[in-house]
């Protein structure tokens, strides 16, 4: 692991969270704009998908390039299938939440929740981080279904212990998870302490990342296409896909008009290949999507080993 574990500045957590949400919204807008053009090129989709995983071990955000995000926003997919069943009584994916009793009602808030200045929210994220790493190592993001179910089940229990209530919202769940995703990425890339010019307050810390330890402070990882191969027997390929899972994406096997396998190599600045990922993709309409049901990204998580 890295020399030092990233720690939260609890006093600034609430303010940082607000700024982070704004940044995420901007990034989502940029991704949507950029994605409209990337999606028409199978090789660009493969490179961007592999690069997202390789640079920061971020299998979570890589799903924005997959079939999961074809029919709805990625965040909505997570809410409907993994968050709402925990928040609302008797909720089933696809139901309207209107009129349902939920743990997001104010009546479920304890004094700790009402008065939290961000310190307890930060503690929850820190508490969840070891579980996140354990799941990443033992389950992996390729099995998002198991990952989300296990992670959020653990989060519910840990939050009860910290806050002393069963209050739960999708924002609480996203905040902890995305904090863990970012923290894990920082253990790979390293971080620098930042001092605000106006307040003089320093946030974060200087931390050497695993990639820096292995490849040097000025390391650079680049993803390039080694080659691609069109799937010859498209009918057999489609028949092997799980129709029930595809339905959760709003996709039918008959929607798939083509399929290809793009091999992406991850290399250091001197050309040394440190990982190779075969990205399976399907074409629906005019756009290409990563087939997350068959693509194996595990090699990207062993780059720093």
C-alpha atoms as a PDB file:
ATOM      1  CA  UNK A   1       0.000   0.000   0.000  1.00  0.00           C
ATOM      2  CA  UNK A   2       0.986   3.658  -0.176  1.00  0.00           C
ATOM      3  CA  UNK A   3       3.175   5.177   2.490  1.00  0.00           C
ATOM      4  CA  UNK A   4       0.379   7.114   4.072  1.00  0.00           C
ATOM      5  CA  UNK A   5      -3.381   6.714   3.967  1.00  0.00           C
ATOM      6  CA  UNK A   6      -5.377   9.714   2.911  1.00  0.00           C
ATOM      7  CA  UNK A   7      -7.239  11.291   5.794  1.00  0.00           C
ATOM      8  CA  UNK A   8     -10.326  13.528   5.720  1.00  0.00           C
ATOM      9  CA  UNK A   9     -10.247  17.066   7.048  1.00  0.00           C
ATOM     10  CA  UNK A  10     -13.538  16.718   8.878  1.00  0.00           C
ATOM     11  CA  UNK A  11     -14.010  20.408   9.587  1.00  0.00           C
ATOM     12  CA  UNK A  12     -13.993  21.169   5.851  1.00  0.00           C
ATOM     13  CA  UNK A  13     -15.793  18.014   4.756  1.00  0.00           C
ATOM     14  CA  UNK A  14     -19.197  19.606   4.230  1.00  0.00           C
ATOM     15  CA  UNK A  15     -17.799  22.458   2.136  1.00  0.00           C
ATOM     16  CA  UNK A  16     -15.604  20.107   0.133  1.00  0.00           C
ATOM     17  CA  UNK A  17     -18.588  17.860  -0.511  1.00  0.00           C
ATOM     18  CA  UNK A  18     -20.573  20.755  -2.002  1.00  0.00           C
ATOM     19  CA  UNK A  19     -17.675  21.736  -4.244  1.00  0.00           C
ATOM     20  CA  UNK A  20     -17.182  18.087  -5.228  1.00  0.00           C
ATOM     21  CA  UNK A  21     -20.816  17.782  -6.277  1.00  0.00           C
ATOM     22  CA  UNK A  22     -20.447  20.849  -8.495  1.00  0.00           C
ATOM     23  CA  UNK A  23     -17.277  19.390 -10.036  1.00  0.00           C
ATOM     24  CA  UNK A  24     -18.995  16.043 -10.622  1.00  0.00           C
ATOM     25  CA  UNK A  25     -21.901  17.774 -12.380  1.00  0.00           C
ATOM     26  CA  UNK A  26     -19.476  19.615 -14.642  1.00  0.00           C
ATOM     27  CA  UNK A  27     -17.609  16.392 -15.404  1.00  0.00           C
ATOM     28  CA  UNK A  28     -20.859  14.573 -16.158  1.00  0.00           C
ATOM     29  CA  UNK A  29     -21.797  17.347 -18.606  1.00  0.00           C
ATOM     30  CA  UNK A  30     -18.386  17.133 -20.266  1.00  0.00           C
ATOM     31  CA  UNK A  31     -18.597  13.344 -20.407  1.00  0.00           C
ATOM     32  CA  UNK A  32     -22.029  13.486 -22.027  1.00  0.00           C
ATOM     33  CA  UNK A  33     -20.799  15.948 -24.670  1.00  0.00           C
ATOM     34  CA  UNK A  34     -17.575  14.028 -25.303  1.00  0.00           C
ATOM     35  CA  UNK A  35     -19.302  10.667 -25.143  1.00  0.00           C
ATOM     36  CA  UNK A  36     -21.593  11.476 -28.044  1.00  0.00           C
ATOM     37  CA  UNK A  37     -18.558  11.447 -30.305  1.00  0.00           C
ATOM     38  CA  UNK A  38     -16.508   8.705 -28.656  1.00  0.00           C
ATOM     39  CA  UNK A  39     -19.442   6.278 -28.838  1.00  0.00           C
ATOM     40  CA  UNK A  40     -19.299   6.167 -32.642  1.00  0.00           C
ATOM     41  CA  UNK A  41     -15.767   4.725 -32.641  1.00  0.00           C
ATOM     42  CA  UNK A  42     -15.258   1.279 -31.103  1.00  0.00           C
ATOM     43  CA  UNK A  43     -11.530   1.804 -30.572  1.00  0.00           C
ATOM     44  CA  UNK A  44     -12.010   5.153 -28.835  1.00  0.00           C
ATOM     45  CA  UNK A  45     -14.614   3.596 -26.540  1.00  0.00           C
ATOM     46  CA  UNK A  46     -12.203   0.787 -25.671  1.00  0.00           C
ATOM     47  CA  UNK A  47      -9.296   3.139 -24.972  1.00  0.00           C
ATOM     48  CA  UNK A  48     -11.340   5.472 -22.787  1.00  0.00           C
ATOM     49  CA  UNK A  49     -12.862   2.567 -20.869  1.00  0.00           C
ATOM     50  CA  UNK A  50      -9.486   0.886 -20.262  1.00  0.00           C
ATOM     51  CA  UNK A  51      -7.819   4.190 -19.399  1.00  0.00           C
ATOM     52  CA  UNK A  52     -10.439   4.952 -16.721  1.00  0.00           C
ATOM     53  CA  UNK A  53      -9.670   1.647 -15.016  1.00  0.00           C
ATOM     54  CA  UNK A  54      -5.898   1.702 -15.486  1.00  0.00           C
ATOM     55  CA  UNK A  55      -5.131   5.259 -14.385  1.00  0.00           C
ATOM     56  CA  UNK A  56      -6.877   5.114 -11.010  1.00  0.00           C
ATOM     57  CA  UNK A  57      -8.277   1.616 -10.599  1.00  0.00           C
ATOM     58  CA  UNK A  58     -11.669   3.200 -11.243  1.00  0.00           C
ATOM     59  CA  UNK A  59     -13.958   0.421 -12.415  1.00  0.00           C
ATOM     60  CA  UNK A  60     -16.881   2.357 -10.958  1.00  0.00           C
ATOM     61  CA  UNK A  61     -16.813   5.270 -13.404  1.00  0.00           C
ATOM     62  CA  UNK A  62     -15.734   3.017 -16.280  1.00  0.00           C
ATOM     63  CA  UNK A  63     -19.316   1.728 -16.388  1.00  0.00           C
ATOM     64  CA  UNK A  64     -20.343   4.977 -18.058  1.00  0.00           C
ATOM     65  CA  UNK A  65     -18.952   3.464 -21.273  1.00  0.00           C
ATOM     66  CA  UNK A  66     -20.856   0.184 -20.950  1.00  0.00           C
ATOM     67  CA  UNK A  67     -24.282  -1.234 -21.763  1.00  0.00           C
ATOM     68  CA  UNK A  68     -25.303  -0.380 -18.202  1.00  0.00           C
ATOM     69  CA  UNK A  69     -25.521   3.274 -19.248  1.00  0.00           C
ATOM     70  CA  UNK A  70     -27.194   2.688 -22.594  1.00  0.00           C
ATOM     71  CA  UNK A  71     -30.831   3.309 -21.667  1.00  0.00           C
ATOM     72  CA  UNK A  72     -30.587   5.497 -18.563  1.00  0.00           C
ATOM     73  CA  UNK A  73     -28.148   7.533 -16.551  1.00  0.00           C
ATOM     74  CA  UNK A  74     -25.658   5.402 -14.657  1.00  0.00           C
ATOM     75  CA  UNK A  75     -26.629   7.029 -11.362  1.00  0.00           C
ATOM     76  CA  UNK A  76     -30.298   6.228 -11.940  1.00  0.00           C
ATOM     77  CA  UNK A  77     -29.430   2.607 -12.680  1.00  0.00           C
ATOM     78  CA  UNK A  78     -27.679   2.372  -9.304  1.00  0.00           C
ATOM     79  CA  UNK A  79     -30.518   4.110  -7.463  1.00  0.00           C
ATOM     80  CA  UNK A  80     -33.268   1.932  -8.918  1.00  0.00           C
ATOM     81  CA  UNK A  81     -31.511  -1.404  -8.535  1.00  0.00           C
ATOM     82  CA  UNK A  82     -29.411  -1.022  -5.386  1.00  0.00           C
ATOM     83  CA  UNK A  83     -30.330   2.067  -3.359  1.00  0.00           C
ATOM     84  CA  UNK A  84     -34.097   2.376  -3.450  1.00  0.00           C
ATOM     85  CA  UNK A  85     -34.638  -1.250  -2.332  1.00  0.00           C
ATOM     86  CA  UNK A  86     -32.748  -0.330   0.853  1.00  0.00           C
ATOM     87  CA  UNK A  87     -34.371   3.074   1.324  1.00  0.00           C
ATOM     88  CA  UNK A  88     -38.040   2.331   0.584  1.00  0.00           C
ATOM     89  CA  UNK A  89     -40.301  -0.305   2.118  1.00  0.00           C
ATOM     90  CA  UNK A  90     -41.495  -2.973  -0.334  1.00  0.00           C
ATOM     91  CA  UNK A  91     -39.742  -1.310  -3.257  1.00  0.00           C
ATOM     92  CA  UNK A  92     -39.080  -3.326  -6.408  1.00  0.00           C
ATOM     93  CA  UNK A  93     -36.911  -2.027  -9.279  1.00  0.00           C
ATOM     94  CA  UNK A  94     -39.046  -0.101 -11.738  1.00  0.00           C
ATOM     95  CA  UNK A  95     -41.641   1.030  -9.192  1.00  0.00           C
ATOM     96  CA  UNK A  96     -42.418   4.659  -8.540  1.00  0.00           C
ATOM     97  CA  UNK A  97     -41.218   5.835  -5.144  1.00  0.00           C
ATOM     98  CA  UNK A  98     -44.152   8.225  -4.823  1.00  0.00           C
ATOM     99  CA  UNK A  99     -46.193   7.429  -1.730  1.00  0.00           C
ATOM    100  CA  UNK A 100     -43.760   4.813  -0.420  1.00  0.00           C
ATOM    101  CA  UNK A 101     -42.506   4.939   3.162  1.00  0.00           C
ATOM    102  CA  UNK A 102     -38.790   5.546   3.144  1.00  0.00           C
ATOM    103  CA  UNK A 103     -35.845   5.842   5.507  1.00  0.00           C
ATOM    104  CA  UNK A 104     -35.148   9.221   3.902  1.00  0.00           C
ATOM    105  CA  UNK A 105     -37.982  10.821   5.889  1.00  0.00           C
ATOM    106  CA  UNK A 106     -36.988  13.375   8.539  1.00  0.00           C
ATOM    107  CA  UNK A 107     -38.620  11.219  11.204  1.00  0.00           C
ATOM    108  CA  UNK A 108     -35.701   8.792  10.873  1.00  0.00           C
ATOM    109  CA  UNK A 109     -33.070  11.410  11.695  1.00  0.00           C
ATOM    110  CA  UNK A 110     -31.287  11.282  15.032  1.00  0.00           C
ATOM    111  CA  UNK A 111     -29.772  14.325  16.696  1.00  0.00           C
ATOM    112  CA  UNK A 112     -26.404  13.164  15.388  1.00  0.00           C
ATOM    113  CA  UNK A 113     -27.696  13.312  11.814  1.00  0.00           C
ATOM    114  CA  UNK A 114     -29.424  16.664  12.305  1.00  0.00           C
ATOM    115  CA  UNK A 115     -26.357  18.283  13.858  1.00  0.00           C
ATOM    116  CA  UNK A 116     -23.622  16.673  11.778  1.00  0.00           C
ATOM    117  CA  UNK A 117     -21.233  19.258  10.335  1.00  0.00           C
ATOM    118  CA  UNK A 118     -19.726  16.701   7.985  1.00  0.00           C
ATOM    119  CA  UNK A 119     -17.489  15.067  10.570  1.00  0.00           C
ATOM    120  CA  UNK A 120     -19.610  11.947  10.930  1.00  0.00           C
ATOM    121  CA  UNK A 121     -20.145  11.740   7.179  1.00  0.00           C
ATOM    122  CA  UNK A 122     -16.371  11.798   6.809  1.00  0.00           C
ATOM    123  CA  UNK A 123     -16.038   9.142   9.486  1.00  0.00           C
ATOM    124  CA  UNK A 124     -18.491   6.932   7.603  1.00  0.00           C
ATOM    125  CA  UNK A 125     -16.462   7.250   4.391  1.00  0.00           C
ATOM    126  CA  UNK A 126     -13.261   6.415   6.276  1.00  0.00           C
ATOM    127  CA  UNK A 127     -14.919   3.462   7.974  1.00  0.00           C
ATOM    128  CA  UNK A 128     -16.146   2.102   4.657  1.00  0.00           C
ATOM    129  CA  UNK A 129     -12.785   2.384   2.893  1.00  0.00           C
ATOM    130  CA  UNK A 130     -11.251  -0.899   4.145  1.00  0.00           C
ATOM    131  CA  UNK A 131     -14.437  -2.694   3.101  1.00  0.00           C
ATOM    132  CA  UNK A 132     -14.210  -1.054  -0.322  1.00  0.00           C
ATOM    133  CA  UNK A 133     -10.642  -2.283  -0.812  1.00  0.00           C
ATOM    134  CA  UNK A 134     -11.578  -5.768   0.379  1.00  0.00           C
ATOM    135  CA  UNK A 135     -14.454  -5.937  -2.103  1.00  0.00           C
ATOM    136  CA  UNK A 136     -12.253  -4.606  -4.872  1.00  0.00           C
ATOM    137  CA  UNK A 137      -9.713  -7.352  -4.213  1.00  0.00           C
ATOM    138  CA  UNK A 138     -12.135 -10.225  -3.635  1.00  0.00           C
ATOM    139  CA  UNK A 139     -15.141  -9.358  -5.821  1.00  0.00           C
ATOM    140  CA  UNK A 140     -13.956  -6.743  -8.315  1.00  0.00           C
ATOM    141  CA  UNK A 141     -15.888  -4.200 -10.347  1.00  0.00           C
ATOM    142  CA  UNK A 142     -16.504  -6.660 -13.181  1.00  0.00           C
ATOM    143  CA  UNK A 143     -19.158  -8.164 -10.902  1.00  0.00           C
ATOM    144  CA  UNK A 144     -20.904  -4.854 -10.184  1.00  0.00           C
ATOM    145  CA  UNK A 145     -24.049  -6.623  -8.974  1.00  0.00           C
ATOM    146  CA  UNK A 146     -22.289  -8.348  -6.072  1.00  0.00           C
ATOM    147  CA  UNK A 147     -20.140  -5.274  -5.414  1.00  0.00           C
ATOM    148  CA  UNK A 148     -23.041  -2.855  -5.032  1.00  0.00           C
ATOM    149  CA  UNK A 149     -25.155  -5.245  -2.970  1.00  0.00           C
ATOM    150  CA  UNK A 150     -22.374  -6.071  -0.529  1.00  0.00           C
ATOM    151  CA  UNK A 151     -21.032  -2.535  -0.266  1.00  0.00           C
ATOM    152  CA  UNK A 152     -24.382  -0.886   0.443  1.00  0.00           C
ATOM    153  CA  UNK A 153     -25.436  -3.600   2.891  1.00  0.00           C
ATOM    154  CA  UNK A 154     -22.271  -2.965   4.879  1.00  0.00           C
ATOM    155  CA  UNK A 155     -22.743   0.810   4.596  1.00  0.00           C
ATOM    156  CA  UNK A 156     -26.250   0.640   6.094  1.00  0.00           C
ATOM    157  CA  UNK A 157     -24.966  -1.192   9.161  1.00  0.00           C
ATOM    158  CA  UNK A 158     -21.899   1.020   9.598  1.00  0.00           C
ATOM    159  CA  UNK A 159     -23.963   4.183   9.320  1.00  0.00           C
ATOM    160  CA  UNK A 160     -26.368   2.976  12.017  1.00  0.00           C
ATOM    161  CA  UNK A 161     -23.442   2.463  14.350  1.00  0.00           C
ATOM    162  CA  UNK A 162     -21.991   5.919  13.698  1.00  0.00           C
ATOM    163  CA  UNK A 163     -25.171   8.016  13.587  1.00  0.00           C
ATOM    164  CA  UNK A 164     -27.429   5.973  15.867  1.00  0.00           C
ATOM    165  CA  UNK A 165     -30.361   5.980  13.431  1.00  0.00           C
ATOM    166  CA  UNK A 166     -31.552   4.279  10.248  1.00  0.00           C
ATOM    167  CA  UNK A 167     -31.838   7.444   8.158  1.00  0.00           C
ATOM    168  CA  UNK A 168     -30.702   6.743   4.590  1.00  0.00           C
ATOM    169  CA  UNK A 169     -30.622   8.619   1.281  1.00  0.00           C
ATOM    170  CA  UNK A 170     -29.064   8.021  -2.101  1.00  0.00           C
ATOM    171  CA  UNK A 171     -26.837  11.045  -1.483  1.00  0.00           C
ATOM    172  CA  UNK A 172     -25.401   9.427   1.654  1.00  0.00           C
ATOM    173  CA  UNK A 173     -24.660   6.249  -0.262  1.00  0.00           C
ATOM    174  CA  UNK A 174     -23.129   7.951  -3.278  1.00  0.00           C
ATOM    175  CA  UNK A 175     -20.979  10.234  -1.116  1.00  0.00           C
ATOM    176  CA  UNK A 176     -19.358   7.382   0.798  1.00  0.00           C
ATOM    177  CA  UNK A 177     -18.831   5.222  -2.283  1.00  0.00           C
ATOM    178  CA  UNK A 178     -17.422   7.969  -4.481  1.00  0.00           C
ATOM    179  CA  UNK A 179     -15.139   9.103  -1.669  1.00  0.00           C
ATOM    180  CA  UNK A 180     -13.772   5.558  -1.454  1.00  0.00           C
ATOM    181  CA  UNK A 181     -13.306   5.389  -5.229  1.00  0.00           C
ATOM    182  CA  UNK A 182     -11.331   8.642  -5.138  1.00  0.00           C
ATOM    183  CA  UNK A 183      -9.255   7.579  -2.141  1.00  0.00           C
ATOM    184  CA  UNK A 184      -8.296   4.318  -3.811  1.00  0.00           C
ATOM    185  CA  UNK A 185      -7.242   6.213  -6.931  1.00  0.00           C
ATOM    186  CA  UNK A 186      -5.075   8.462  -4.796  1.00  0.00           C
ATOM    187  CA  UNK A 187      -3.231   5.468  -3.343  1.00  0.00           C
ATOM    188  CA  UNK A 188      -2.136   4.701  -6.905  1.00  0.00           C
ATOM    189  CA  UNK A 189      -1.350   8.184  -8.189  1.00  0.00           C
ATOM    190  CA  UNK A 190      -0.280   9.894  -4.970  1.00  0.00           C
ATOM    191  CA  UNK A 191      -1.484  13.270  -3.712  1.00  0.00           C
ATOM    192  CA  UNK A 192      -0.156  16.730  -2.921  1.00  0.00           C
ATOM    193  CA  UNK A 193      -1.145  18.984  -0.030  1.00  0.00           C
ATOM    194  CA  UNK A 194      -2.991  22.099  -1.206  1.00  0.00           C
ATOM    195  CA  UNK A 195      -2.987  25.374   0.730  1.00  0.00           C
ATOM    196  CA  UNK A 196      -5.765  27.900   0.129  1.00  0.00           C
ATOM    197  CA  UNK A 197      -4.267  31.310  -0.646  1.00  0.00           C
ATOM    198  CA  UNK A 198      -7.025  33.206   1.148  1.00  0.00           C
ATOM    199  CA  UNK A 199      -7.566  31.175   4.315  1.00  0.00           C
ATOM    200  CA  UNK A 200      -4.153  29.595   4.612  1.00  0.00           C
ATOM    201  CA  UNK A 201      -5.870  26.289   5.361  1.00  0.00           C
ATOM    202  CA  UNK A 202      -4.075  23.215   4.039  1.00  0.00           C
ATOM    203  CA  UNK A 203      -6.116  20.249   2.881  1.00  0.00           C
ATOM    204  CA  UNK A 204      -4.874  16.822   1.911  1.00  0.00           C
ATOM    205  CA  UNK A 205      -1.303  15.702   2.323  1.00  0.00           C
ATOM    206  CA  UNK A 206       1.771  14.763   0.352  1.00  0.00           C
ATOM    207  CA  UNK A 207       1.482  11.045  -0.293  1.00  0.00           C
ATOM    208  CA  UNK A 208       3.517   8.827  -2.572  1.00  0.00           C
ATOM    209  CA  UNK A 209       1.349   6.556  -4.715  1.00  0.00           C
ATOM    210  CA  UNK A 210       1.981   2.959  -5.702  1.00  0.00           C
ATOM    211  CA  UNK A 211       2.496   3.908  -9.340  1.00  0.00           C
ATOM    212  CA  UNK A 212       5.072   6.494  -8.310  1.00  0.00           C
ATOM    213  CA  UNK A 213       6.894   3.936  -6.197  1.00  0.00           C
ATOM    214  CA  UNK A 214       7.021   1.473  -9.085  1.00  0.00           C
ATOM    215  CA  UNK A 215       7.513   3.726 -12.113  1.00  0.00           C
ATOM    216  CA  UNK A 216       8.968   6.958 -10.672  1.00  0.00           C
ATOM    217  CA  UNK A 217       7.553  10.343  -9.698  1.00  0.00           C
ATOM    218  CA  UNK A 218       7.098  11.430 -13.303  1.00  0.00           C
ATOM    219  CA  UNK A 219       5.481   8.205 -14.481  1.00  0.00           C
ATOM    220  CA  UNK A 220       2.969   8.215 -17.317  1.00  0.00           C
ATOM    221  CA  UNK A 221       0.626   5.419 -18.347  1.00  0.00           C
ATOM    222  CA  UNK A 222      -0.765   5.413 -21.870  1.00  0.00           C
ATOM    223  CA  UNK A 223      -3.504   3.219 -23.352  1.00  0.00           C
ATOM    224  CA  UNK A 224      -3.275   2.306 -27.041  1.00  0.00           C
ATOM    225  CA  UNK A 225      -5.045  -0.154 -29.310  1.00  0.00           C
ATOM    226  CA  UNK A 226      -3.054  -3.265 -30.168  1.00  0.00           C
ATOM    227  CA  UNK A 227      -5.696  -4.628 -32.507  1.00  0.00           C
ATOM    228  CA  UNK A 228      -9.369  -5.378 -32.964  1.00  0.00           C
ATOM    229  CA  UNK A 229     -11.354  -8.326 -34.258  1.00  0.00           C
ATOM    230  CA  UNK A 230     -14.960  -8.414 -35.430  1.00  0.00           C
ATOM    231  CA  UNK A 231     -17.084 -11.168 -33.914  1.00  0.00           C
ATOM    232  CA  UNK A 232     -17.732 -13.599 -36.745  1.00  0.00           C
ATOM    233  CA  UNK A 233     -20.675 -15.493 -35.251  1.00  0.00           C
ATOM    234  CA  UNK A 234     -22.857 -12.652 -34.002  1.00  0.00           C
ATOM    235  CA  UNK A 235     -25.858 -14.922 -33.434  1.00  0.00           C
ATOM    236  CA  UNK A 236     -23.909 -17.168 -31.058  1.00  0.00           C
ATOM    237  CA  UNK A 237     -22.484 -14.131 -29.280  1.00  0.00           C
ATOM    238  CA  UNK A 238     -25.947 -12.679 -28.661  1.00  0.00           C
ATOM    239  CA  UNK A 239     -27.363 -16.027 -27.593  1.00  0.00           C
ATOM    240  CA  UNK A 240     -24.735 -16.260 -24.850  1.00  0.00           C
ATOM    241  CA  UNK A 241     -25.812 -12.968 -23.264  1.00  0.00           C
ATOM    242  CA  UNK A 242     -28.111 -13.017 -20.236  1.00  0.00           C
ATOM    243  CA  UNK A 243     -31.451 -11.662 -21.475  1.00  0.00           C
ATOM    244  CA  UNK A 244     -32.696 -10.852 -17.967  1.00  0.00           C
ATOM    245  CA  UNK A 245     -29.626  -8.780 -17.177  1.00  0.00           C
ATOM    246  CA  UNK A 246     -29.809  -7.034 -20.554  1.00  0.00           C
ATOM    247  CA  UNK A 247     -33.404  -6.082 -19.725  1.00  0.00           C
ATOM    248  CA  UNK A 248     -32.184  -4.095 -16.710  1.00  0.00           C
ATOM    249  CA  UNK A 249     -30.154  -2.004 -19.178  1.00  0.00           C
ATOM    250  CA  UNK A 250     -33.131  -1.513 -21.464  1.00  0.00           C
ATOM    251  CA  UNK A 251     -31.407  -3.662 -24.082  1.00  0.00           C
ATOM    252  CA  UNK A 252     -32.532  -6.708 -26.070  1.00  0.00           C
ATOM    253  CA  UNK A 253     -30.151  -9.072 -27.805  1.00  0.00           C
ATOM    254  CA  UNK A 254     -31.834  -8.231 -31.120  1.00  0.00           C
ATOM    255  CA  UNK A 255     -30.814  -4.587 -30.620  1.00  0.00           C
ATOM    256  CA  UNK A 256     -27.178  -5.601 -31.106  1.00  0.00           C
ATOM    257  CA  UNK A 257     -26.149  -5.138 -34.739  1.00  0.00           C
ATOM    258  CA  UNK A 258     -22.443  -5.894 -34.451  1.00  0.00           C
ATOM    259  CA  UNK A 259     -19.793  -6.944 -31.931  1.00  0.00           C
ATOM    260  CA  UNK A 260     -16.043  -6.597 -31.736  1.00  0.00           C
ATOM    261  CA  UNK A 261     -13.118  -7.267 -29.416  1.00  0.00           C
ATOM    262  CA  UNK A 262     -10.562  -4.481 -29.045  1.00  0.00           C
ATOM    263  CA  UNK A 263      -7.267  -5.276 -27.354  1.00  0.00           C
ATOM    264  CA  UNK A 264      -5.858  -2.321 -25.414  1.00  0.00           C
ATOM    265  CA  UNK A 265      -2.343  -2.190 -24.030  1.00  0.00           C
ATOM    266  CA  UNK A 266      -1.348  -0.079 -21.035  1.00  0.00           C
ATOM    267  CA  UNK A 267       2.269   1.010 -21.237  1.00  0.00           C
ATOM    268  CA  UNK A 268       4.748   3.256 -19.434  1.00  0.00           C
ATOM    269  CA  UNK A 269       6.558   6.144 -21.123  1.00  0.00           C
ATOM    270  CA  UNK A 270       9.410   3.865 -22.255  1.00  0.00           C
ATOM    271  CA  UNK A 271       6.965   1.537 -24.002  1.00  0.00           C
ATOM    272  CA  UNK A 272       6.924  -1.223 -21.404  1.00  0.00           C
ATOM    273  CA  UNK A 273       3.509  -2.928 -21.492  1.00  0.00           C
ATOM    274  CA  UNK A 274       2.198  -3.320 -17.945  1.00  0.00           C
ATOM    275  CA  UNK A 275      -1.306  -4.593 -18.705  1.00  0.00           C
ATOM    276  CA  UNK A 276      -3.409  -5.789 -21.603  1.00  0.00           C
ATOM    277  CA  UNK A 277      -7.203  -5.689 -21.645  1.00  0.00           C
ATOM    278  CA  UNK A 278      -9.476  -7.172 -24.277  1.00  0.00           C
ATOM    279  CA  UNK A 279     -12.530  -4.927 -24.378  1.00  0.00           C
ATOM    280  CA  UNK A 280     -15.599  -6.625 -25.819  1.00  0.00           C
ATOM    281  CA  UNK A 281     -18.074  -4.222 -27.395  1.00  0.00           C
ATOM    282  CA  UNK A 282     -21.495  -4.297 -29.005  1.00  0.00           C
ATOM    283  CA  UNK A 283     -23.032  -1.880 -31.465  1.00  0.00           C
ATOM    284  CA  UNK A 284     -26.575  -0.690 -30.778  1.00  0.00           C
ATOM    285  CA  UNK A 285     -27.897   1.790 -33.283  1.00  0.00           C
ATOM    286  CA  UNK A 286     -24.887   3.878 -34.295  1.00  0.00           C
ATOM    287  CA  UNK A 287     -23.140   3.686 -30.918  1.00  0.00           C
ATOM    288  CA  UNK A 288     -20.669   1.254 -29.401  1.00  0.00           C
ATOM    289  CA  UNK A 289     -20.925   0.101 -25.777  1.00  0.00           C
ATOM    290  CA  UNK A 290     -18.553  -2.012 -23.739  1.00  0.00           C
ATOM    291  CA  UNK A 291     -20.045  -5.433 -23.070  1.00  0.00           C
ATOM    292  CA  UNK A 292     -19.512  -5.449 -19.329  1.00  0.00           C
ATOM    293  CA  UNK A 293     -20.966  -8.967 -19.123  1.00  0.00           C
ATOM    294  CA  UNK A 294     -17.874 -10.479 -20.743  1.00  0.00           C
ATOM    295  CA  UNK A 295     -15.032  -7.939 -20.469  1.00  0.00           C
ATOM    296  CA  UNK A 296     -12.362  -8.806 -17.896  1.00  0.00           C
ATOM    297  CA  UNK A 297     -10.560  -5.779 -16.402  1.00  0.00           C
ATOM    298  CA  UNK A 298      -8.672  -7.631 -13.672  1.00  0.00           C
ATOM    299  CA  UNK A 299      -5.286  -7.116 -15.338  1.00  0.00           C
ATOM    300  CA  UNK A 300      -5.568  -3.359 -14.795  1.00  0.00           C
ATOM    301  CA  UNK A 301      -5.725  -3.832 -11.022  1.00  0.00           C
ATOM    302  CA  UNK A 302      -2.354  -5.584 -10.916  1.00  0.00           C
ATOM    303  CA  UNK A 303      -0.309  -2.858 -12.601  1.00  0.00           C
ATOM    304  CA  UNK A 304       1.229  -1.717  -9.318  1.00  0.00           C
ATOM    305  CA  UNK A 305       1.825  -5.263  -8.026  1.00  0.00           C
END
